[in-house]
Amino acid sequence: MNFSAIRVIYIAEMMRAWNTLFQTLASPVISTSLYFVVFGGAIGSRIQSIEGVEYALFIVPGLTMLTLLTQSISNASFGIYFPKFTGTIYEVLSAPISFFEALIGYVGAAATKSFIIGVVILLTASLFVDLRIEHPFWMLLFLVLTCVTFSLFGFIIGLWADSFEKLQIVPILVITPLVFLGGSFYSISMLPPIWQTITYFNPVVYLVSGFRWSFFEVADVNVWISLGMILFFLFACLAVVSWMFKTGYKLKE
């Protein structure tokens, strides 16, 4: 394992985030505050609680997941797309480093940045509500797995994209709607039976449900099923990235 190469890629990516630290951290803080003002204040005044959990508390896991998914994808996709755009990706491909080592460097940095943002969101939320975490280990597990998995997914998008516009297509047109429709701000049990069945085909439901269970022991899906779904998606992303590197897809053009 070439740890020196991994460290170089990791530090370079983290330094790029450090240069835009204010924008990186200010955006989730402002967004979280606005969500609490709108959802926690306006809607929360009409919905007192869901499954015994105060509404302002209930939306914290969903709100965190909304930001984590979009940030993980954006960080990882831009991290690999920019070297492609500038042509420096060929230096990485010609260096004595395997695809797995390059993957650890890029995805590790993107996941680290997303994890920090997730912690910032939870700290910001604690200023508005009396946040409690029933299962801290499970919360950290889902937090880390989500950051890593969707950083891998973002890495795939970065390899696939051939323009800056394409980098935004999946996060804006696919991920954000799936999060909003995945029980982030409501319980699936509140939907009519037919829509409950349809919603279970949304993979984000399992992420939000498992993450919420770690906070309040309230979930729409069994926590083990949620864990199994995110692990399945993680290994699927690893398989796709491996294929893309071995075939040179979008890398050797």
Protein backbone atom coordinates (compact mmCIF):
# COMPACT_ATOMS: atom_id res chain seq x y z
CA MET A 1 0.00 0.00 0.00
CA ASN A 2 1.47 3.34 -1.12
CA PHE A 3 0.58 5.43 1.94
CA SER A 4 2.71 8.37 0.78
CA ALA A 5 0.67 8.75 -2.41
CA ILE A 6 -2.59 8.42 -0.49
CA ARG A 7 -1.45 11.08 1.97
CA VAL A 8 -0.45 13.48 -0.82
CA ILE A 9 -3.83 13.20 -2.57
CA TYR A 10 -5.71 13.42 0.72
CA ILE A 11 -3.82 16.51 1.94
CA ALA A 12 -4.13 18.24 -1.45
CA GLU A 13 -7.90 17.76 -1.43
CA MET A 14 -8.22 18.89 2.18
CA MET A 15 -6.13 21.99 1.48
CA ARG A 16 -8.49 22.89 -1.35
CA ALA A 17 -11.37 22.75 1.13
CA TRP A 18 -9.37 24.77 3.67
CA ASN A 19 -9.04 27.61 1.14
CA THR A 20 -12.83 27.88 1.01
CA LEU A 21 -13.43 27.07 4.67
CA PHE A 22 -15.81 29.93 5.33
CA GLN A 23 -18.10 29.06 2.41
CA THR A 24 -17.88 25.35 3.26
CA LEU A 25 -19.02 25.79 6.85
CA ALA A 26 -21.18 28.91 6.57
CA SER A 27 -23.51 27.38 3.98
CA PRO A 28 -24.73 24.41 6.11
CA VAL A 29 -25.04 26.62 9.21
CA ILE A 30 -27.21 29.17 7.39
CA SER A 31 -29.25 26.46 5.63
CA THR A 32 -29.84 24.57 8.87
CA SER A 33 -30.94 27.74 10.64
CA LEU A 34 -33.37 28.58 7.83
CA TYR A 35 -34.84 25.07 7.85
CA PHE A 36 -35.50 25.34 11.56
CA VAL A 37 -37.12 28.73 11.14
CA VAL A 38 -39.39 27.50 8.33
CA PHE A 39 -40.03 23.84 9.19
CA GLY A 40 -39.44 23.90 12.93
CA GLY A 41 -41.25 27.19 13.49
CA ALA A 42 -44.00 27.50 10.90
CA ILE A 43 -44.84 23.83 10.33
CA GLY A 44 -43.85 22.73 13.84
CA SER A 45 -46.49 25.02 15.29
CA ARG A 46 -49.13 22.95 13.47
CA ILE A 47 -47.54 19.51 13.89
CA GLN A 48 -46.73 19.10 17.58
CA SER A 49 -45.09 15.68 17.35
CA ILE A 50 -44.62 12.61 15.14
CA GLU A 51 -44.56 9.19 16.81
CA GLY A 52 -43.98 10.86 20.15
CA VAL A 53 -41.04 13.00 18.97
CA GLU A 54 -41.28 16.78 18.87
CA TYR A 55 -41.43 17.86 15.22
CA ALA A 56 -38.44 20.22 15.47
CA LEU A 57 -36.41 17.26 16.78
CA PHE A 58 -37.89 14.82 14.29
CA ILE A 59 -36.53 16.71 11.26
CA VAL A 60 -32.90 16.85 12.51
CA PRO A 61 -31.80 13.46 11.05
CA GLY A 62 -33.54 14.16 7.73
CA LEU A 63 -32.06 17.62 7.53
CA THR A 64 -28.59 16.23 8.25
CA MET A 65 -28.99 13.55 5.59
CA LEU A 66 -30.17 16.11 3.03
CA THR A 67 -26.96 18.10 3.42
CA LEU A 68 -24.68 15.06 3.82
CA LEU A 69 -25.82 13.43 0.59
CA THR A 70 -25.52 16.56 -1.53
CA GLN A 71 -22.20 17.62 0.02
CA SER A 72 -20.64 14.16 -0.26
CA ILE A 73 -21.56 13.92 -3.92
CA SER A 74 -20.47 17.47 -4.72
CA ASN A 75 -17.12 17.20 -2.89
CA ALA A 76 -16.14 13.89 -4.47
CA SER A 77 -17.41 14.65 -7.98
CA PHE A 78 -15.59 17.99 -8.19
CA GLY A 79 -12.48 16.48 -6.58
CA ILE A 80 -11.98 14.01 -9.43
CA TYR A 81 -13.54 16.07 -12.23
CA PHE A 82 -11.19 19.05 -11.77
CA PRO A 83 -8.02 16.95 -12.43
CA LYS A 84 -9.75 15.60 -15.54
CA PHE A 85 -10.63 19.14 -16.62
CA THR A 86 -7.08 20.43 -16.14
CA GLY A 87 -5.40 17.28 -17.45
CA THR A 88 -3.52 16.53 -14.22
CA ILE A 89 -5.40 13.23 -13.89
CA TYR A 90 -2.85 11.71 -16.28
CA GLU A 91 -0.12 12.35 -13.72
CA VAL A 92 -2.10 10.27 -11.24
CA LEU A 93 -2.75 7.52 -13.78
CA SER A 94 0.94 7.32 -14.76
CA ALA A 95 2.20 7.42 -11.16
CA PRO A 96 3.11 4.21 -9.29
CA ILE A 97 -0.23 4.17 -7.50
CA SER A 98 -3.13 1.76 -7.85
CA PHE A 99 -6.70 2.84 -8.52
CA PHE A 100 -7.63 1.72 -5.01
CA GLU A 101 -4.99 3.96 -3.45
CA ALA A 102 -6.12 6.94 -5.54
CA LEU A 103 -9.69 6.14 -4.56
CA ILE A 104 -8.83 6.17 -0.86
CA GLY A 105 -7.15 9.57 -1.22
CA TYR A 106 -9.96 11.29 -3.14
CA VAL A 107 -12.94 9.63 -1.46
CA GLY A 108 -11.33 9.79 1.98
CA ALA A 109 -10.92 13.56 1.69
CA ALA A 110 -14.47 14.06 0.37
CA ALA A 111 -15.91 11.87 3.14
CA THR A 112 -13.90 13.72 5.79
CA LYS A 113 -15.21 17.10 4.60
CA SER A 114 -18.77 15.78 4.57
CA PHE A 115 -18.38 14.28 8.04
CA ILE A 116 -17.18 17.63 9.41
CA ILE A 117 -20.18 19.35 7.81
CA GLY A 118 -22.49 16.73 9.35
CA VAL A 119 -21.06 17.44 12.80
CA VAL A 120 -21.47 21.19 12.21
CA ILE A 121 -25.12 20.67 11.27
CA LEU A 122 -25.79 18.64 14.43
CA LEU A 123 -24.08 21.29 16.57
CA THR A 124 -26.14 23.99 14.86
CA ALA A 125 -29.34 21.98 15.41
CA SER A 126 -28.51 21.65 19.11
CA LEU A 127 -28.80 25.44 19.38
CA PHE A 128 -32.46 25.24 18.35
CA VAL A 129 -33.61 22.03 20.04
CA ASP A 130 -32.66 19.82 22.97
CA LEU A 131 -30.97 17.20 20.80
CA ARG A 132 -30.59 13.72 22.24
CA ILE A 133 -28.89 10.65 20.76
CA GLU A 134 -30.08 7.29 22.08
CA HIS A 135 -27.46 5.24 20.21
CA PRO A 136 -24.28 7.29 19.57
CA PHE A 137 -22.40 4.34 18.02
CA TRP A 138 -25.15 3.70 15.47
CA MET A 139 -25.38 7.41 14.74
CA LEU A 140 -21.65 7.61 13.99
CA LEU A 141 -21.82 4.40 11.96
CA PHE A 142 -24.61 5.71 9.72
CA LEU A 143 -22.89 9.09 9.49
CA VAL A 144 -19.57 7.58 8.35
CA LEU A 145 -21.15 5.02 5.99
CA THR A 146 -23.30 7.70 4.37
CA CYS A 147 -20.32 10.02 3.86
CA VAL A 148 -18.17 7.26 2.36
CA THR A 149 -20.90 5.70 0.22
CA PHE A 150 -22.13 8.91 -1.35
CA SER A 151 -18.59 10.20 -1.78
CA LEU A 152 -18.03 7.05 -3.84
CA PHE A 153 -21.21 7.80 -5.76
CA GLY A 154 -20.00 11.36 -6.33
CA PHE A 155 -16.65 9.99 -7.52
CA ILE A 156 -18.52 7.98 -10.14
CA ILE A 157 -20.40 11.10 -11.26
CA GLY A 158 -17.12 13.02 -11.46
CA LEU A 159 -15.61 10.35 -13.70
CA TRP A 160 -18.74 10.21 -15.86
CA ALA A 161 -19.27 13.96 -16.26
CA ASP A 162 -17.66 15.80 -19.14
CA SER A 163 -18.93 19.28 -18.19
CA PHE A 164 -19.58 21.29 -15.05
CA GLU A 165 -23.29 21.21 -15.83
CA LYS A 166 -23.37 17.42 -15.61
CA LEU A 167 -21.85 17.57 -12.13
CA GLN A 168 -25.04 19.27 -10.92
CA ILE A 169 -27.60 17.12 -12.71
CA VAL A 170 -27.70 14.17 -10.31
CA PRO A 171 -27.52 16.12 -6.99
CA ILE A 172 -30.18 18.64 -8.07
CA LEU A 173 -32.55 16.55 -10.18
CA VAL A 174 -32.21 13.16 -8.47
CA ILE A 175 -30.75 13.23 -4.95
CA THR A 176 -32.53 16.30 -3.54
CA PRO A 177 -36.03 15.15 -4.65
CA LEU A 178 -35.34 11.63 -3.31
CA VAL A 179 -34.35 13.06 0.08
CA PHE A 180 -37.46 15.25 0.29
CA LEU A 181 -39.62 12.28 -0.70
CA GLY A 182 -37.74 9.88 1.57
CA GLY A 183 -39.35 10.76 4.89
CA SER A 184 -36.85 13.46 5.83
CA PHE A 185 -39.52 15.80 7.19
CA TYR A 186 -42.36 13.37 7.84
CA SER A 187 -43.02 9.75 8.73
CA ILE A 188 -43.81 7.25 5.97
CA SER A 189 -46.71 6.01 8.11
CA MET A 190 -48.47 9.33 7.49
CA LEU A 191 -48.85 8.49 3.78
CA PRO A 192 -51.73 6.55 2.18
CA PRO A 193 -50.96 2.80 1.83
CA ILE A 194 -50.27 2.96 -1.92
CA TRP A 195 -47.76 5.79 -1.49
CA GLN A 196 -46.10 3.97 1.41
CA THR A 197 -45.43 1.03 -0.90
CA ILE A 198 -44.04 3.30 -3.62
CA THR A 199 -41.85 5.17 -1.14
CA TYR A 200 -40.09 1.97 -0.06
CA PHE A 201 -38.49 1.87 -3.52
CA ASN A 202 -36.69 5.10 -2.62
CA PRO A 203 -33.22 4.12 -1.29
CA VAL A 204 -32.92 7.33 0.74
CA VAL A 205 -35.80 6.14 2.97
CA TYR A 206 -33.52 3.50 4.47
CA LEU A 207 -30.73 5.99 5.19
CA VAL A 208 -33.01 8.52 6.87
CA SER A 209 -34.89 5.84 8.79
CA GLY A 210 -31.75 4.19 10.18
CA PHE A 211 -30.20 7.53 11.08
CA ARG A 212 -33.38 8.70 12.81
CA TRP A 213 -33.59 5.46 14.79
CA SER A 214 -30.13 6.12 16.25
CA PHE A 215 -31.48 9.38 17.68
CA PHE A 216 -34.99 8.56 18.89
CA GLU A 217 -35.49 4.78 18.40
CA VAL A 218 -38.19 5.72 15.89
CA ALA A 219 -37.93 4.29 12.38
CA ASP A 220 -40.01 3.53 9.31
CA VAL A 221 -37.78 0.55 8.44
CA ASN A 222 -35.96 -1.98 10.59
CA VAL A 223 -32.49 -0.66 11.41
CA TRP A 224 -30.78 -3.82 10.16
CA ILE A 225 -32.49 -3.48 6.79
CA SER A 226 -31.32 0.14 6.65
CA LEU A 227 -27.75 -0.95 7.41
CA GLY A 228 -27.93 -3.71 4.81
CA MET A 229 -29.17 -1.28 2.13
CA ILE A 230 -26.38 1.23 2.66
CA LEU A 231 -23.74 -1.54 2.67
CA PHE A 232 -25.21 -2.91 -0.57
CA PHE A 233 -25.01 0.52 -2.19
CA LEU A 234 -21.45 0.95 -0.86
CA PHE A 235 -20.20 -2.26 -2.46
CA ALA A 236 -22.12 -1.52 -5.67
CA CYS A 237 -20.34 1.83 -5.94
CA LEU A 238 -16.98 0.16 -5.30
CA ALA A 239 -17.67 -2.33 -8.09
CA VAL A 240 -18.58 0.45 -10.54
CA VAL A 241 -15.50 2.54 -9.68
CA SER A 242 -13.27 -0.53 -10.06
CA TRP A 243 -14.72 -1.21 -13.51
CA MET A 244 -14.29 2.42 -14.59
CA PHE A 245 -10.62 2.46 -13.60
CA LYS A 246 -9.83 -0.94 -15.12
CA THR A 247 -11.48 -0.07 -18.44
CA GLY A 248 -10.32 3.56 -18.45
CA TYR A 249 -13.91 4.72 -18.92
CA LYS A 250 -13.93 8.54 -19.29
CA LEU A 251 -10.29 8.57 -18.15
CA LYS A 252 -8.33 7.73 -21.29
CA GLU A 253 -10.31 9.78 -23.75
